[in-house]
Amino acid sequence: MTPCRSRRMIRGIRLLSMLLVLGAWSPASQARDTLVWVLRDLPPMTIFEGPQKGRGVIDQALPALLASLPEYDHQFVHVNRARAMQMLRELPFVCDPALLFTPQRAQWLAFSITTFRMFSNGLAVRRQDRPGLLPFIHDGQVDLGALLVSPLHNVGVVAERSYGEPIDSLLKQAPLGTLIAHYGNSAIGNLLQMQRHGRLKALIGYQTEIRFQARQQGIDPDDLEFYPIQGMPKYQSVNVGCSNTPQGRQAVERINRALLELRPDTLLELYAQWLEPSLREQYRSDALAFFHDAPQR
């Protein structure tokens, strides 16, 4: 082999080695983390079936959020609430895009800043049952504690759901037999049917959710009245909750940056479209004020 050819071969080997090294360290060549998103059938947040499938608040928000997380592969899993919580506890890289923040959950979950604000859980009753509720209504709000200890009323709830404080505390103290709990994705629909047939006086839930499910059950939502619950804030915050692991916490940091851009316009309007028209302007004003005054919440 001539010296010239030998030098060319050496240079070629060095170049090939350099390319291999660069390729080994190239971000594109690295195995990408897969972020698993657990989704629950929770209209109008997420809608899995029917003519409005995919048009829920979270359904429409996720593509915009995922576009800001290009470093991850994304997998979507449809689960019930219990399975979602189990996965968040046990797996290293799972996120739920629509979780209510509670101090208990914050002990083992990594929460994002607020995704959007929504009207708090309240009490839904049929208009014809309103007279029996009047002793418990003060300044337009229901005294849930007094209602729960009344022997004349029972209240429907979704089993194992967190409604936020102080509702959760009041439900834990409710006398035996006062609460009628249903499990599963059709819980609200089942409770509405019980209410329709007079086996249930009231149920607790989000107004948007109850009105949506009423239509699904062939019930005119305008036949229902909705009352705020004493002690509850006007609004509750929806957050992204992720596994409390290094991967999960890092994802939350990226999600927070995206939410600061998305929530004043995109996310706010996605929720506002599900409200009764009379509530939309006040909601927009209140939500924008919250984001302006507390941008890191």
C-alpha atoms as a PDB file:
ATOM      1  CA  MET A   1       0.000   0.000   0.000  1.00  0.00           C
ATOM      2  CA  THR A   2       1.406   3.387  -0.970  1.00  0.00           C
ATOM      3  CA  PRO A   3       1.894   6.092   1.717  1.00  0.00           C
ATOM      4  CA  CYS A   4      -0.623   8.319  -0.065  1.00  0.00           C
ATOM      5  CA  ARG A   5      -3.272   5.600  -0.114  1.00  0.00           C
ATOM      6  CA  SER A   6      -2.543   4.763   3.536  1.00  0.00           C
ATOM      7  CA  ARG A   7      -3.029   8.388   4.575  1.00  0.00           C
ATOM      8  CA  ARG A   8      -6.349   8.544   2.680  1.00  0.00           C
ATOM      9  CA  MET A   9      -7.517   5.373   4.413  1.00  0.00           C
ATOM     10  CA  ILE A  10      -6.574   6.743   7.839  1.00  0.00           C
ATOM     11  CA  ARG A  11      -8.412   9.974   7.115  1.00  0.00           C
ATOM     12  CA  GLY A  12     -11.425   7.960   5.969  1.00  0.00           C
ATOM     13  CA  ILE A  13     -11.411   5.875   9.136  1.00  0.00           C
ATOM     14  CA  ARG A  14     -11.175   9.025  11.269  1.00  0.00           C
ATOM     15  CA  LEU A  15     -14.021  10.638   9.371  1.00  0.00           C
ATOM     16  CA  LEU A  16     -16.149   7.527   9.714  1.00  0.00           C
ATOM     17  CA  SER A  17     -15.386   7.367  13.455  1.00  0.00           C
ATOM     18  CA  MET A  18     -16.320  11.008  13.846  1.00  0.00           C
ATOM     19  CA  LEU A  19     -19.612  10.481  12.049  1.00  0.00           C
ATOM     20  CA  LEU A  20     -20.371   7.476  14.197  1.00  0.00           C
ATOM     21  CA  VAL A  21     -19.651   9.451  17.350  1.00  0.00           C
ATOM     22  CA  LEU A  22     -21.788  12.356  16.198  1.00  0.00           C
ATOM     23  CA  GLY A  23     -24.552   9.974  15.284  1.00  0.00           C
ATOM     24  CA  ALA A  24     -24.383   8.323  18.685  1.00  0.00           C
ATOM     25  CA  TRP A  25     -24.827  11.659  20.408  1.00  0.00           C
ATOM     26  CA  SER A  26     -27.346  13.134  18.018  1.00  0.00           C
ATOM     27  CA  PRO A  27     -30.666  13.848  19.790  1.00  0.00           C
ATOM     28  CA  ALA A  28     -32.518  12.364  16.834  1.00  0.00           C
ATOM     29  CA  SER A  29     -30.764   9.057  17.339  1.00  0.00           C
ATOM     30  CA  GLN A  30     -31.562   8.801  21.014  1.00  0.00           C
ATOM     31  CA  ALA A  31     -34.467   6.696  22.217  1.00  0.00           C
ATOM     32  CA  ARG A  32     -37.324   9.100  22.929  1.00  0.00           C
ATOM     33  CA  ASP A  33     -39.322   8.904  26.141  1.00  0.00           C
ATOM     34  CA  THR A  34     -42.966   7.940  25.692  1.00  0.00           C
ATOM     35  CA  LEU A  35     -45.396  10.042  27.694  1.00  0.00           C
ATOM     36  CA  VAL A  36     -48.564   8.088  28.453  1.00  0.00           C
ATOM     37  CA  TRP A  37     -51.725  10.193  28.706  1.00  0.00           C
ATOM     38  CA  VAL A  38     -54.601   8.640  30.643  1.00  0.00           C
ATOM     39  CA  LEU A  39     -57.965   9.849  29.385  1.00  0.00           C
ATOM     40  CA  ARG A  40     -61.312   9.316  31.077  1.00  0.00           C
ATOM     41  CA  ASP A  41     -64.729   9.601  29.464  1.00  0.00           C
ATOM     42  CA  LEU A  42     -65.728  12.820  31.211  1.00  0.00           C
ATOM     43  CA  PRO A  43     -67.987  14.976  29.013  1.00  0.00           C
ATOM     44  CA  PRO A  44     -67.692  17.756  28.208  1.00  0.00           C
ATOM     45  CA  MET A  45     -63.975  17.573  29.134  1.00  0.00           C
ATOM     46  CA  THR A  46     -63.392  14.453  27.048  1.00  0.00           C
ATOM     47  CA  ILE A  47     -66.034  12.869  24.833  1.00  0.00           C
ATOM     48  CA  PHE A  48     -65.417   9.315  23.621  1.00  0.00           C
ATOM     49  CA  GLU A  49     -68.714   8.545  21.887  1.00  0.00           C
ATOM     50  CA  GLY A  50     -71.618  10.165  20.078  1.00  0.00           C
ATOM     51  CA  PRO A  51     -71.997  13.025  17.597  1.00  0.00           C
ATOM     52  CA  GLN A  52     -69.758  15.313  19.673  1.00  0.00           C
ATOM     53  CA  LYS A  53     -66.969  12.770  19.985  1.00  0.00           C
ATOM     54  CA  GLY A  54     -63.579  14.484  20.135  1.00  0.00           C
ATOM     55  CA  ARG A  55     -65.054  17.954  20.673  1.00  0.00           C
ATOM     56  CA  GLY A  56     -64.557  18.138  24.432  1.00  0.00           C
ATOM     57  CA  VAL A  57     -62.407  20.785  26.101  1.00  0.00           C
ATOM     58  CA  ILE A  58     -59.454  18.443  26.651  1.00  0.00           C
ATOM     59  CA  ASP A  59     -59.969  16.656  23.325  1.00  0.00           C
ATOM     60  CA  GLN A  60     -59.363  19.932  21.518  1.00  0.00           C
ATOM     61  CA  ALA A  61     -56.704  21.246  23.876  1.00  0.00           C
ATOM     62  CA  LEU A  62     -54.388  18.233  23.740  1.00  0.00           C
ATOM     63  CA  PRO A  63     -53.156  18.684  20.144  1.00  0.00           C
ATOM     64  CA  ALA A  64     -52.046  22.244  20.931  1.00  0.00           C
ATOM     65  CA  LEU A  65     -50.364  21.106  24.133  1.00  0.00           C
ATOM     66  CA  LEU A  66     -48.615  18.154  22.490  1.00  0.00           C
ATOM     67  CA  ALA A  67     -47.272  20.389  19.733  1.00  0.00           C
ATOM     68  CA  SER A  68     -45.220  22.134  22.412  1.00  0.00           C
ATOM     69  CA  LEU A  69     -43.744  18.809  23.601  1.00  0.00           C
ATOM     70  CA  PRO A  70     -42.016  17.515  20.456  1.00  0.00           C
ATOM     71  CA  GLU A  71     -39.246  15.801  22.412  1.00  0.00           C
ATOM     72  CA  TYR A  72     -41.639  13.070  23.565  1.00  0.00           C
ATOM     73  CA  ASP A  73     -43.557  10.323  21.869  1.00  0.00           C
ATOM     74  CA  HIS A  74     -47.164  10.282  23.087  1.00  0.00           C
ATOM     75  CA  GLN A  75     -49.471   7.383  23.837  1.00  0.00           C
ATOM     76  CA  PHE A  76     -53.157   7.667  24.782  1.00  0.00           C
ATOM     77  CA  VAL A  77     -54.950   5.193  27.011  1.00  0.00           C
ATOM     78  CA  HIS A  78     -58.692   5.256  27.772  1.00  0.00           C
ATOM     79  CA  VAL A  79     -59.212   4.222  31.387  1.00  0.00           C
ATOM     80  CA  ASN A  80     -61.607   4.719  34.273  1.00  0.00           C
ATOM     81  CA  ARG A  81     -60.791   6.958  37.219  1.00  0.00           C
ATOM     82  CA  ALA A  82     -59.462   4.186  39.457  1.00  0.00           C
ATOM     83  CA  ARG A  83     -57.137   2.809  36.772  1.00  0.00           C
ATOM     84  CA  ALA A  84     -55.897   6.306  35.942  1.00  0.00           C
ATOM     85  CA  MET A  85     -54.935   6.896  39.558  1.00  0.00           C
ATOM     86  CA  GLN A  86     -53.228   3.515  39.768  1.00  0.00           C
ATOM     87  CA  MET A  87     -51.129   4.245  36.682  1.00  0.00           C
ATOM     88  CA  LEU A  88     -50.169   7.686  37.968  1.00  0.00           C
ATOM     89  CA  ARG A  89     -48.988   6.092  41.210  1.00  0.00           C
ATOM     90  CA  GLU A  90     -47.155   3.105  39.791  1.00  0.00           C
ATOM     91  CA  LEU A  91     -45.727   4.049  36.383  1.00  0.00           C
ATOM     92  CA  PRO A  92     -42.828   6.448  35.859  1.00  0.00           C
ATOM     93  CA  PHE A  93     -44.142   8.640  33.049  1.00  0.00           C
ATOM     94  CA  VAL A  94     -47.898   9.134  32.996  1.00  0.00           C
ATOM     95  CA  CYS A  95     -49.969  12.315  32.866  1.00  0.00           C
ATOM     96  CA  ASP A  96     -53.671  13.054  33.271  1.00  0.00           C
ATOM     97  CA  PRO A  97     -54.675  16.270  31.459  1.00  0.00           C
ATOM     98  CA  ALA A  98     -57.788  17.000  33.570  1.00  0.00           C
ATOM     99  CA  LEU A  99     -57.259  16.581  37.290  1.00  0.00           C
ATOM    100  CA  LEU A 100     -58.734  18.592  40.114  1.00  0.00           C
ATOM    101  CA  PHE A 101     -55.972  19.743  42.443  1.00  0.00           C
ATOM    102  CA  THR A 102     -56.295  18.604  46.042  1.00  0.00           C
ATOM    103  CA  PRO A 103     -53.684  18.774  48.826  1.00  0.00           C
ATOM    104  CA  GLN A 104     -53.925  14.997  49.227  1.00  0.00           C
ATOM    105  CA  ARG A 105     -53.128  14.351  45.587  1.00  0.00           C
ATOM    106  CA  ALA A 106     -50.310  16.887  45.649  1.00  0.00           C
ATOM    107  CA  GLN A 107     -48.494  14.637  48.133  1.00  0.00           C
ATOM    108  CA  TRP A 108     -47.868  12.035  45.446  1.00  0.00           C
ATOM    109  CA  LEU A 109     -48.505  13.788  42.124  1.00  0.00           C
ATOM    110  CA  ALA A 110     -46.626  16.491  40.233  1.00  0.00           C
ATOM    111  CA  PHE A 111     -49.175  19.149  39.256  1.00  0.00           C
ATOM    112  CA  SER A 112     -48.926  21.751  36.531  1.00  0.00           C
ATOM    113  CA  ILE A 113     -50.113  25.291  36.931  1.00  0.00           C
ATOM    114  CA  THR A 114     -53.829  25.792  36.276  1.00  0.00           C
ATOM    115  CA  THR A 115     -54.902  24.630  32.840  1.00  0.00           C
ATOM    116  CA  PHE A 116     -58.237  26.413  32.977  1.00  0.00           C
ATOM    117  CA  ARG A 117     -60.808  27.522  35.530  1.00  0.00           C
ATOM    118  CA  MET A 118     -64.234  25.958  35.721  1.00  0.00           C
ATOM    119  CA  PHE A 119     -67.355  26.654  37.727  1.00  0.00           C
ATOM    120  CA  SER A 120     -67.267  24.666  40.954  1.00  0.00           C
ATOM    121  CA  ASN A 121     -69.333  21.601  41.700  1.00  0.00           C
ATOM    122  CA  GLY A 122     -72.856  22.371  42.830  1.00  0.00           C
ATOM    123  CA  LEU A 123     -76.220  20.752  43.478  1.00  0.00           C
ATOM    124  CA  ALA A 124     -78.673  19.942  40.692  1.00  0.00           C
ATOM    125  CA  VAL A 125     -82.383  19.454  41.402  1.00  0.00           C
ATOM    126  CA  ARG A 126     -85.521  19.239  39.284  1.00  0.00           C
ATOM    127  CA  ARG A 127     -87.559  22.417  39.232  1.00  0.00           C
ATOM    128  CA  GLN A 128     -90.526  20.537  40.634  1.00  0.00           C
ATOM    129  CA  ASP A 129     -88.431  19.460  43.640  1.00  0.00           C
ATOM    130  CA  ARG A 130     -87.243  22.974  44.429  1.00  0.00           C
ATOM    131  CA  PRO A 131     -89.819  23.676  47.177  1.00  0.00           C
ATOM    132  CA  GLY A 132     -88.395  20.880  49.329  1.00  0.00           C
ATOM    133  CA  LEU A 133     -84.938  22.408  48.993  1.00  0.00           C
ATOM    134  CA  LEU A 134     -85.932  25.942  50.028  1.00  0.00           C
ATOM    135  CA  PRO A 135     -85.150  25.492  53.764  1.00  0.00           C
ATOM    136  CA  PHE A 136     -81.528  24.756  52.816  1.00  0.00           C
ATOM    137  CA  ILE A 137     -81.019  27.652  50.385  1.00  0.00           C
ATOM    138  CA  HIS A 138     -79.502  30.860  51.737  1.00  0.00           C
ATOM    139  CA  ASP A 139     -78.513  33.743  49.484  1.00  0.00           C
ATOM    140  CA  GLY A 140     -78.804  31.490  46.462  1.00  0.00           C
ATOM    141  CA  GLN A 141     -76.477  28.821  47.874  1.00  0.00           C
ATOM    142  CA  VAL A 142     -77.208  25.396  49.336  1.00  0.00           C
ATOM    143  CA  ASP A 143     -76.213  24.486  52.877  1.00  0.00           C
ATOM    144  CA  LEU A 144     -74.998  21.008  51.964  1.00  0.00           C
ATOM    145  CA  GLY A 145     -74.125  20.055  55.542  1.00  0.00           C
ATOM    146  CA  ALA A 146     -77.687  20.683  56.731  1.00  0.00           C
ATOM    147  CA  LEU A 147     -79.151  18.965  53.664  1.00  0.00           C
ATOM    148  CA  LEU A 148     -77.133  15.806  54.267  1.00  0.00           C
ATOM    149  CA  VAL A 149     -78.366  15.374  57.820  1.00  0.00           C
ATOM    150  CA  SER A 150     -81.998  15.914  56.797  1.00  0.00           C
ATOM    151  CA  PRO A 151     -83.894  12.584  56.811  1.00  0.00           C
ATOM    152  CA  LEU A 152     -86.080  13.735  53.915  1.00  0.00           C
ATOM    153  CA  HIS A 153     -83.366  13.967  51.269  1.00  0.00           C
ATOM    154  CA  ASN A 154     -80.804  11.792  49.549  1.00  0.00           C
ATOM    155  CA  VAL A 155     -78.001  13.023  47.330  1.00  0.00           C
ATOM    156  CA  GLY A 156     -76.390  11.354  44.334  1.00  0.00           C
ATOM    157  CA  VAL A 157     -72.617  11.330  43.877  1.00  0.00           C
ATOM    158  CA  VAL A 158     -70.032   9.702  41.625  1.00  0.00           C
ATOM    159  CA  ALA A 159     -68.276   7.080  43.726  1.00  0.00           C
ATOM    160  CA  GLU A 160     -64.708   7.911  44.794  1.00  0.00           C
ATOM    161  CA  ARG A 161     -64.668  11.229  42.937  1.00  0.00           C
ATOM    162  CA  SER A 162     -63.056  14.235  44.589  1.00  0.00           C
ATOM    163  CA  TYR A 163     -65.353  17.257  44.480  1.00  0.00           C
ATOM    164  CA  GLY A 164     -62.866  19.523  46.236  1.00  0.00           C
ATOM    165  CA  GLU A 165     -62.984  20.925  49.724  1.00  0.00           C
ATOM    166  CA  PRO A 166     -65.217  21.432  51.651  1.00  0.00           C
ATOM    167  CA  ILE A 167     -67.590  19.115  49.740  1.00  0.00           C
ATOM    168  CA  ASP A 168     -65.351  16.080  50.250  1.00  0.00           C
ATOM    169  CA  SER A 169     -65.285  16.634  54.020  1.00  0.00           C
ATOM    170  CA  LEU A 170     -69.072  16.989  54.213  1.00  0.00           C
ATOM    171  CA  LEU A 171     -69.604  13.812  52.188  1.00  0.00           C
ATOM    172  CA  LYS A 172     -67.317  11.843  54.499  1.00  0.00           C
ATOM    173  CA  GLN A 173     -69.482  12.906  57.448  1.00  0.00           C
ATOM    174  CA  ALA A 174     -72.827  12.169  55.762  1.00  0.00           C
ATOM    175  CA  PRO A 175     -75.114   9.791  57.685  1.00  0.00           C
ATOM    176  CA  LEU A 176     -75.383   6.244  56.390  1.00  0.00           C
ATOM    177  CA  GLY A 177     -77.920   5.964  53.593  1.00  0.00           C
ATOM    178  CA  THR A 178     -77.875   9.657  52.682  1.00  0.00           C
ATOM    179  CA  LEU A 179     -75.590   9.272  49.672  1.00  0.00           C
ATOM    180  CA  ILE A 180     -76.416   7.271  46.568  1.00  0.00           C
ATOM    181  CA  ALA A 181     -73.146   6.525  44.769  1.00  0.00           C
ATOM    182  CA  HIS A 182     -72.727   5.258  41.229  1.00  0.00           C
ATOM    183  CA  TYR A 183     -69.530   4.014  39.608  1.00  0.00           C
ATOM    184  CA  GLY A 184     -68.301   4.127  36.064  1.00  0.00           C
ATOM    185  CA  ASN A 185     -68.516   6.386  33.051  1.00  0.00           C
ATOM    186  CA  SER A 186     -72.336   6.402  33.101  1.00  0.00           C
ATOM    187  CA  ALA A 187     -72.606   7.414  36.770  1.00  0.00           C
ATOM    188  CA  ILE A 188     -74.074  10.872  36.150  1.00  0.00           C
ATOM    189  CA  GLY A 189     -76.509   9.512  33.565  1.00  0.00           C
ATOM    190  CA  ASN A 190     -77.697   6.823  35.987  1.00  0.00           C
ATOM    191  CA  LEU A 191     -78.169   9.382  38.750  1.00  0.00           C
ATOM    192  CA  LEU A 192     -80.154  11.655  36.454  1.00  0.00           C
ATOM    193  CA  GLN A 193     -82.463   8.771  35.569  1.00  0.00           C
ATOM    194  CA  MET A 194     -82.984   8.022  39.264  1.00  0.00           C
ATOM    195  CA  GLN A 195     -83.786  11.670  39.811  1.00  0.00           C
ATOM    196  CA  ARG A 196     -86.181  11.661  36.878  1.00  0.00           C
ATOM    197  CA  HIS A 197     -88.114   8.760  38.430  1.00  0.00           C
ATOM    198  CA  GLY A 198     -88.261  10.359  41.866  1.00  0.00           C
ATOM    199  CA  ARG A 199     -85.782   8.011  43.578  1.00  0.00           C
ATOM    200  CA  LEU A 200     -83.265  10.800  44.075  1.00  0.00           C
ATOM    201  CA  LYS A 201     -83.805  14.428  45.038  1.00  0.00           C
ATOM    202  CA  ALA A 202     -80.463  15.990  44.132  1.00  0.00           C
ATOM    203  CA  LEU A 203     -77.019  15.208  42.751  1.00  0.00           C
ATOM    204  CA  ILE A 204     -73.634  16.862  42.965  1.00  0.00           C
ATOM    205  CA  GLY A 205     -71.556  17.657  39.916  1.00  0.00           C
ATOM    206  CA  TYR A 206     -70.345  20.247  37.468  1.00  0.00           C
ATOM    207  CA  GLN A 207     -73.098  22.174  35.756  1.00  0.00           C
ATOM    208  CA  THR A 208     -71.590  21.665  32.284  1.00  0.00           C
ATOM    209  CA  GLU A 209     -71.282  17.922  32.898  1.00  0.00           C
ATOM    210  CA  ILE A 210     -74.808  17.539  34.258  1.00  0.00           C
ATOM    211  CA  ARG A 211     -76.390  19.520  31.419  1.00  0.00           C
ATOM    212  CA  PHE A 212     -74.469  17.485  28.841  1.00  0.00           C
ATOM    213  CA  GLN A 213     -75.474  14.180  30.413  1.00  0.00           C
ATOM    214  CA  ALA A 214     -79.085  15.313  30.789  1.00  0.00           C
ATOM    215  CA  ARG A 215     -79.328  15.797  27.021  1.00  0.00           C
ATOM    216  CA  GLN A 216     -77.800  12.355  26.497  1.00  0.00           C
ATOM    217  CA  GLN A 217     -80.556  10.909  28.713  1.00  0.00           C
ATOM    218  CA  GLY A 218     -83.342  12.729  26.889  1.00  0.00           C
ATOM    219  CA  ILE A 219     -83.848  15.157  29.780  1.00  0.00           C
ATOM    220  CA  ASP A 220     -84.325  18.864  29.101  1.00  0.00           C
ATOM    221  CA  PRO A 221     -81.464  20.512  31.039  1.00  0.00           C
ATOM    222  CA  ASP A 222     -83.668  23.564  31.526  1.00  0.00           C
ATOM    223  CA  ASP A 223     -85.898  21.413  33.738  1.00  0.00           C
ATOM    224  CA  LEU A 224     -82.990  21.315  36.215  1.00  0.00           C
ATOM    225  CA  GLU A 225     -81.889  24.029  38.611  1.00  0.00           C
ATOM    226  CA  PHE A 226     -78.301  24.308  39.714  1.00  0.00           C
ATOM    227  CA  TYR A 227     -77.195  25.777  43.045  1.00  0.00           C
ATOM    228  CA  PRO A 228     -73.715  26.656  44.297  1.00  0.00           C
ATOM    229  CA  ILE A 229     -72.709  25.041  47.593  1.00  0.00           C
ATOM    230  CA  GLN A 230     -71.904  27.162  50.641  1.00  0.00           C
ATOM    231  CA  GLY A 231     -68.198  27.349  51.379  1.00  0.00           C
ATOM    232  CA  MET A 232     -67.116  26.478  47.844  1.00  0.00           C
ATOM    233  CA  PRO A 233     -65.195  28.994  45.757  1.00  0.00           C
ATOM    234  CA  LYS A 234     -66.935  30.157  42.620  1.00  0.00           C
ATOM    235  CA  TYR A 235     -64.354  28.405  40.459  1.00  0.00           C
ATOM    236  CA  GLN A 236     -62.091  25.383  40.733  1.00  0.00           C
ATOM    237  CA  SER A 237     -58.822  24.840  38.899  1.00  0.00           C
ATOM    238  CA  VAL A 238     -58.176  22.013  36.458  1.00  0.00           C
ATOM    239  CA  ASN A 239     -54.546  20.933  36.175  1.00  0.00           C
ATOM    240  CA  VAL A 240     -52.344  18.424  34.414  1.00  0.00           C
ATOM    241  CA  GLY A 241     -51.177  15.815  36.917  1.00  0.00           C
ATOM    242  CA  CYS A 242     -48.109  13.669  36.209  1.00  0.00           C
ATOM    243  CA  SER A 243     -46.168  10.886  37.880  1.00  0.00           C
ATOM    244  CA  ASN A 244     -44.079  12.350  40.690  1.00  0.00           C
ATOM    245  CA  THR A 245     -40.827  11.113  39.154  1.00  0.00           C
ATOM    246  CA  PRO A 246     -37.909  12.954  37.528  1.00  0.00           C
ATOM    247  CA  GLN A 247     -39.509  12.352  34.127  1.00  0.00           C
ATOM    248  CA  GLY A 248     -42.908  13.524  35.308  1.00  0.00           C
ATOM    249  CA  ARG A 249     -41.589  16.645  37.010  1.00  0.00           C
ATOM    250  CA  GLN A 250     -39.540  17.568  33.950  1.00  0.00           C
ATOM    251  CA  ALA A 251     -42.621  17.180  31.750  1.00  0.00           C
ATOM    252  CA  VAL A 252     -44.591  19.436  34.107  1.00  0.00           C
ATOM    253  CA  GLU A 253     -41.982  22.173  33.664  1.00  0.00           C
ATOM    254  CA  ARG A 254     -42.400  21.968  29.894  1.00  0.00           C
ATOM    255  CA  ILE A 255     -46.183  21.818  30.181  1.00  0.00           C
ATOM    256  CA  ASN A 256     -46.212  24.918  32.392  1.00  0.00           C
ATOM    257  CA  ARG A 257     -44.408  26.952  29.754  1.00  0.00           C
ATOM    258  CA  ALA A 258     -46.904  25.822  27.135  1.00  0.00           C
ATOM    259  CA  LEU A 259     -49.910  26.582  29.345  1.00  0.00           C
ATOM    260  CA  LEU A 260     -48.804  30.166  29.891  1.00  0.00           C
ATOM    261  CA  GLU A 261     -49.221  30.642  26.139  1.00  0.00           C
ATOM    262  CA  LEU A 262     -52.339  28.562  25.619  1.00  0.00           C
ATOM    263  CA  ARG A 263     -54.677  29.248  28.495  1.00  0.00           C
ATOM    264  CA  PRO A 264     -55.544  32.995  28.131  1.00  0.00           C
ATOM    265  CA  ASP A 265     -57.174  32.450  24.755  1.00  0.00           C
ATOM    266  CA  THR A 266     -57.280  28.871  23.518  1.00  0.00           C
ATOM    267  CA  LEU A 267     -58.095  26.957  26.702  1.00  0.00           C
ATOM    268  CA  LEU A 268     -60.361  29.637  28.127  1.00  0.00           C
ATOM    269  CA  GLU A 269     -62.542  29.643  25.009  1.00  0.00           C
ATOM    270  CA  LEU A 270     -62.674  25.862  24.743  1.00  0.00           C
ATOM    271  CA  TYR A 271     -64.358  25.759  28.149  1.00  0.00           C
ATOM    272  CA  ALA A 272     -66.467  28.900  27.639  1.00  0.00           C
ATOM    273  CA  GLN A 273     -68.179  27.368  24.600  1.00  0.00           C
ATOM    274  CA  TRP A 274     -69.834  24.771  26.869  1.00  0.00           C
ATOM    275  CA  LEU A 275     -71.345  27.340  29.208  1.00  0.00           C
ATOM    276  CA  GLU A 276     -74.798  28.804  28.959  1.00  0.00           C
ATOM    277  CA  PRO A 277     -74.503  32.025  26.911  1.00  0.00           C
ATOM    278  CA  SER A 278     -75.531  34.135  29.903  1.00  0.00           C
ATOM    279  CA  LEU A 279     -72.464  32.948  31.855  1.00  0.00           C
ATOM    280  CA  ARG A 280     -69.767  33.309  29.228  1.00  0.00           C
ATOM    281  CA  GLU A 281     -68.787  36.967  29.490  1.00  0.00           C
ATOM    282  CA  GLN A 282     -68.524  36.899  33.279  1.00  0.00           C
ATOM    283  CA  TYR A 283     -66.500  33.707  33.094  1.00  0.00           C
ATOM    284  CA  ARG A 284     -64.074  35.178  30.550  1.00  0.00           C
ATOM    285  CA  SER A 285     -63.571  38.264  32.690  1.00  0.00           C
ATOM    286  CA  ASP A 286     -63.017  36.281  35.881  1.00  0.00           C
ATOM    287  CA  ALA A 287     -60.654  33.774  34.255  1.00  0.00           C
ATOM    288  CA  LEU A 288     -58.491  36.445  32.619  1.00  0.00           C
ATOM    289  CA  ALA A 289     -58.286  38.329  35.919  1.00  0.00           C
ATOM    290  CA  PHE A 290     -57.160  35.139  37.685  1.00  0.00           C
ATOM    291  CA  PHE A 291     -54.439  34.425  35.126  1.00  0.00           C
ATOM    292  CA  HIS A 292     -53.271  38.034  35.249  1.00  0.00           C
ATOM    293  CA  ASP A 293     -53.129  38.210  39.048  1.00  0.00           C
ATOM    294  CA  ALA A 294     -51.708  34.713  39.610  1.00  0.00           C
ATOM    295  CA  PRO A 295     -49.771  33.702  36.486  1.00  0.00           C
ATOM    296  CA  GLN A 296     -47.897  30.887  38.251  1.00  0.00           C
ATOM    297  CA  ARG A 297     -50.987  29.247  39.763  1.00  0.00           C
END
